[in-house]
Amino acid sequence: MSFGIKPSNKCVQYFCAEDEGTWNGSYSFVFATDPQPGFIDVVEGGDGSKWEKEIQLTNQFVKHVNKLNPTPKFVCLGGDIANAFPR
């Protein structure tokens, strides 16, 4: 399964001039990094298969982002998205 918003005709869905209108004022966005599901389990001596704590923290993160004022235009997720090493 994959998720993504793909550009078409020099426009990214939900961020086109038709949706946004004329640029006016400032905006904010959130850049979050390193969710690494399974990392806490490994630190606590597990094998990384338990993600419950990371899921709980991610849900808290989303609640906090949704409370921001002004609402961020977008959230970008980067860094170590998976807790794994190359083989």
N, C-alpha and C. Protein backbone atom coordinates (compact mmCIF):
# COMPACT_ATOMS: atom_id res chain seq x y z
N MET A 1 0.84 -1.17 0.00
CA MET A 1 0.00 0.00 0.00
C MET A 1 0.89 1.24 0.00
N SER A 2 0.54 2.20 -0.79
CA SER A 2 1.29 3.45 -0.79
C SER A 2 0.31 4.61 -0.76
N PHE A 3 0.79 5.71 -0.25
CA PHE A 3 -0.02 6.91 -0.18
C PHE A 3 0.82 8.05 -0.70
N GLY A 4 0.19 8.90 -1.45
CA GLY A 4 0.93 10.06 -1.91
C GLY A 4 0.03 10.99 -2.69
N ILE A 5 0.44 12.22 -2.73
CA ILE A 5 -0.24 13.21 -3.55
C ILE A 5 0.71 13.53 -4.68
N LYS A 6 0.30 13.26 -5.90
CA LYS A 6 1.18 13.43 -7.05
C LYS A 6 0.82 14.68 -7.83
N PRO A 7 1.84 15.44 -8.24
CA PRO A 7 1.57 16.65 -9.02
C PRO A 7 1.07 16.32 -10.41
N SER A 8 0.27 17.21 -10.95
CA SER A 8 -0.24 17.09 -12.31
C SER A 8 -0.43 18.49 -12.87
N ASN A 9 0.02 18.72 -14.09
CA ASN A 9 -0.11 20.04 -14.72
C ASN A 9 0.48 21.15 -13.85
N LYS A 10 1.66 20.90 -13.30
CA LYS A 10 2.39 21.88 -12.48
C LYS A 10 1.62 22.28 -11.23
N CYS A 11 0.82 21.36 -10.71
CA CYS A 11 0.01 21.64 -9.53
C CYS A 11 -0.04 20.40 -8.64
N VAL A 12 0.04 20.61 -7.33
CA VAL A 12 -0.14 19.54 -6.37
C VAL A 12 -1.55 19.66 -5.81
N GLN A 13 -2.29 18.55 -5.85
CA GLN A 13 -3.68 18.56 -5.39
C GLN A 13 -3.80 19.25 -4.04
N TYR A 14 -4.81 20.07 -3.88
CA TYR A 14 -5.13 20.86 -2.68
C TYR A 14 -4.25 22.10 -2.51
N PHE A 15 -3.22 22.27 -3.35
CA PHE A 15 -2.33 23.42 -3.23
C PHE A 15 -2.26 24.20 -4.54
N CYS A 16 -3.26 24.09 -5.39
CA CYS A 16 -3.29 24.79 -6.67
C CYS A 16 -3.86 26.20 -6.49
N ALA A 17 -3.61 27.03 -7.46
CA ALA A 17 -4.12 28.41 -7.40
C ALA A 17 -5.64 28.42 -7.27
N GLU A 18 -6.31 27.46 -7.92
CA GLU A 18 -7.77 27.41 -7.84
C GLU A 18 -8.24 27.15 -6.40
N ASP A 19 -7.46 26.36 -5.66
CA ASP A 19 -7.81 26.04 -4.28
C ASP A 19 -7.36 27.13 -3.31
N GLU A 20 -6.21 27.70 -3.57
CA GLU A 20 -5.59 28.63 -2.64
C GLU A 20 -5.89 30.09 -2.95
N GLY A 21 -6.18 30.39 -4.19
CA GLY A 21 -6.40 31.79 -4.56
C GLY A 21 -5.09 32.55 -4.65
N THR A 22 -5.15 33.83 -4.46
CA THR A 22 -3.97 34.67 -4.53
C THR A 22 -3.18 34.56 -3.23
N TRP A 23 -1.86 34.48 -3.37
CA TRP A 23 -1.01 34.40 -2.18
C TRP A 23 -1.22 35.62 -1.31
N ASN A 24 -1.43 35.39 -0.01
CA ASN A 24 -1.69 36.50 0.88
C ASN A 24 -1.17 36.15 2.27
N GLY A 25 -0.18 36.86 2.73
CA GLY A 25 0.30 36.65 4.09
C GLY A 25 1.25 35.48 4.24
N SER A 26 1.45 35.11 5.48
CA SER A 26 2.39 34.04 5.80
C SER A 26 1.66 32.71 5.98
N TYR A 27 2.44 31.68 6.17
CA TYR A 27 1.89 30.36 6.44
C TYR A 27 2.87 29.63 7.34
N SER A 28 2.43 28.53 7.90
CA SER A 28 3.31 27.70 8.71
C SER A 28 3.20 26.26 8.24
N PHE A 29 4.23 25.50 8.56
CA PHE A 29 4.20 24.07 8.30
C PHE A 29 4.98 23.39 9.42
N VAL A 30 4.82 22.08 9.52
CA VAL A 30 5.50 21.29 10.54
C VAL A 30 6.42 20.31 9.84
N PHE A 31 7.67 20.24 10.30
CA PHE A 31 8.60 19.23 9.81
C PHE A 31 8.93 18.33 10.99
N ALA A 32 8.50 17.09 10.92
CA ALA A 32 8.71 16.12 11.99
C ALA A 32 9.68 15.04 11.49
N THR A 33 10.46 14.50 12.41
CA THR A 33 11.46 13.51 12.00
C THR A 33 11.48 12.29 12.92
N ASP A 34 11.99 11.24 12.37
CA ASP A 34 12.39 10.03 13.10
C ASP A 34 11.30 9.34 13.91
N PRO A 35 10.18 8.97 13.32
CA PRO A 35 9.18 8.23 14.09
C PRO A 35 9.68 6.84 14.50
N GLN A 36 10.46 6.20 13.68
CA GLN A 36 11.12 4.92 13.96
C GLN A 36 10.28 3.93 14.76
N PRO A 37 9.16 3.45 14.21
CA PRO A 37 8.37 2.48 14.96
C PRO A 37 9.20 1.25 15.33
N GLY A 38 9.13 0.87 16.59
CA GLY A 38 9.87 -0.27 17.11
C GLY A 38 11.11 0.11 17.88
N PHE A 39 11.55 1.35 17.76
CA PHE A 39 12.78 1.79 18.41
C PHE A 39 12.69 1.70 19.94
N ILE A 40 11.58 2.15 20.50
CA ILE A 40 11.43 2.10 21.96
C ILE A 40 11.48 0.66 22.44
N ASP A 41 10.85 -0.25 21.71
CA ASP A 41 10.88 -1.67 22.06
C ASP A 41 12.32 -2.19 22.08
N VAL A 42 13.13 -1.80 21.10
CA VAL A 42 14.53 -2.24 21.05
C VAL A 42 15.30 -1.67 22.24
N VAL A 43 15.11 -0.39 22.53
CA VAL A 43 15.80 0.25 23.66
C VAL A 43 15.44 -0.46 24.97
N GLU A 44 14.21 -0.94 25.05
CA GLU A 44 13.76 -1.62 26.27
C GLU A 44 14.06 -3.12 26.24
N GLY A 45 14.87 -3.57 25.27
CA GLY A 45 15.31 -4.96 25.22
C GLY A 45 14.50 -5.87 24.32
N GLY A 46 13.53 -5.34 23.60
CA GLY A 46 12.72 -6.16 22.71
C GLY A 46 13.35 -6.30 21.33
N ASP A 47 12.59 -6.90 20.42
CA ASP A 47 13.10 -7.13 19.07
C ASP A 47 12.61 -6.09 18.06
N GLY A 48 11.90 -5.07 18.53
CA GLY A 48 11.42 -4.01 17.64
C GLY A 48 10.07 -4.27 17.03
N SER A 49 9.42 -5.35 17.43
CA SER A 49 8.13 -5.70 16.82
C SER A 49 6.94 -5.02 17.51
N LYS A 50 7.18 -4.40 18.64
CA LYS A 50 6.09 -3.72 19.35
C LYS A 50 6.15 -2.23 19.05
N TRP A 51 5.07 -1.70 18.52
CA TRP A 51 5.00 -0.30 18.09
C TRP A 51 4.02 0.51 18.91
N GLU A 52 3.41 -0.05 19.93
CA GLU A 52 2.33 0.61 20.64
C GLU A 52 2.72 2.00 21.17
N LYS A 53 3.91 2.12 21.74
CA LYS A 53 4.32 3.41 22.31
C LYS A 53 4.50 4.46 21.23
N GLU A 54 5.09 4.05 20.09
CA GLU A 54 5.26 5.00 18.99
C GLU A 54 3.92 5.42 18.41
N ILE A 55 2.98 4.50 18.33
CA ILE A 55 1.64 4.83 17.84
C ILE A 55 0.98 5.83 18.79
N GLN A 56 1.11 5.60 20.09
CA GLN A 56 0.55 6.53 21.08
C GLN A 56 1.20 7.91 20.94
N LEU A 57 2.51 7.96 20.80
CA LEU A 57 3.20 9.25 20.64
C LEU A 57 2.81 9.94 19.34
N THR A 58 2.63 9.16 18.28
CA THR A 58 2.21 9.74 17.00
C THR A 58 0.81 10.34 17.12
N ASN A 59 -0.08 9.65 17.79
CA ASN A 59 -1.43 10.19 18.00
C ASN A 59 -1.39 11.49 18.81
N GLN A 60 -0.52 11.55 19.82
CA GLN A 60 -0.36 12.79 20.59
C GLN A 60 0.17 13.91 19.70
N PHE A 61 1.13 13.57 18.85
CA PHE A 61 1.70 14.55 17.92
C PHE A 61 0.62 15.13 17.02
N VAL A 62 -0.22 14.27 16.46
CA VAL A 62 -1.29 14.73 15.56
C VAL A 62 -2.25 15.64 16.32
N LYS A 63 -2.61 15.28 17.53
CA LYS A 63 -3.50 16.14 18.33
C LYS A 63 -2.89 17.52 18.55
N HIS A 64 -1.60 17.56 18.85
CA HIS A 64 -0.93 18.85 19.07
C HIS A 64 -0.86 19.67 17.79
N VAL A 65 -0.55 19.02 16.67
CA VAL A 65 -0.50 19.73 15.39
C VAL A 65 -1.87 20.30 15.06
N ASN A 66 -2.92 19.52 15.29
CA ASN A 66 -4.27 19.98 14.98
C ASN A 66 -4.71 21.16 15.85
N LYS A 67 -4.07 21.36 16.99
CA LYS A 67 -4.40 22.48 17.87
C LYS A 67 -3.64 23.76 17.52
N LEU A 68 -2.64 23.66 16.66
CA LEU A 68 -1.84 24.84 16.33
C LEU A 68 -2.69 25.91 15.66
N ASN A 69 -2.36 27.16 15.97
CA ASN A 69 -3.07 28.28 15.37
C ASN A 69 -2.05 29.32 14.94
N PRO A 70 -1.93 29.57 13.67
CA PRO A 70 -2.78 29.08 12.59
C PRO A 70 -2.49 27.62 12.27
N THR A 71 -3.47 26.98 11.67
CA THR A 71 -3.31 25.60 11.25
C THR A 71 -2.20 25.52 10.21
N PRO A 72 -1.25 24.61 10.38
CA PRO A 72 -0.19 24.48 9.38
C PRO A 72 -0.75 24.09 8.02
N LYS A 73 -0.12 24.60 6.97
CA LYS A 73 -0.55 24.26 5.61
C LYS A 73 -0.28 22.79 5.32
N PHE A 74 0.81 22.26 5.86
CA PHE A 74 1.14 20.85 5.62
C PHE A 74 2.11 20.37 6.69
N VAL A 75 2.25 19.05 6.76
CA VAL A 75 3.22 18.40 7.64
C VAL A 75 4.13 17.56 6.77
N CYS A 76 5.42 17.70 6.98
CA CYS A 76 6.41 16.92 6.24
C CYS A 76 7.08 15.97 7.23
N LEU A 77 7.19 14.71 6.86
CA LEU A 77 7.81 13.71 7.72
C LEU A 77 9.12 13.27 7.08
N GLY A 78 10.20 13.39 7.81
CA GLY A 78 11.51 13.03 7.27
C GLY A 78 12.34 12.28 8.29
N GLY A 79 13.62 12.15 7.99
CA GLY A 79 14.53 11.47 8.89
C GLY A 79 14.42 9.97 8.78
N ASP A 80 14.74 9.29 9.87
CA ASP A 80 14.67 7.82 9.91
C ASP A 80 13.22 7.43 10.16
N ILE A 81 12.53 7.12 9.08
CA ILE A 81 11.11 6.79 9.20
C ILE A 81 10.93 5.37 9.71
N ALA A 82 11.84 4.47 9.36
CA ALA A 82 11.80 3.09 9.84
C ALA A 82 12.96 2.86 10.80
N ASN A 83 12.78 1.98 11.75
CA ASN A 83 13.85 1.62 12.66
C ASN A 83 14.51 0.35 12.14
N ALA A 84 15.40 0.50 11.18
CA ALA A 84 16.06 -0.66 10.57
C ALA A 84 17.39 -0.23 9.99
N PHE A 85 18.27 -1.18 9.82
CA PHE A 85 19.56 -0.93 9.20
C PHE A 85 19.60 -1.60 7.84
N PRO A 86 20.34 -1.04 6.88
CA PRO A 86 20.47 -1.71 5.57
C PRO A 86 21.12 -3.08 5.74
N ARG A 87 20.75 -3.99 4.89
CA ARG A 87 21.36 -5.34 4.95
C ARG A 87 22.29 -5.55 3.80
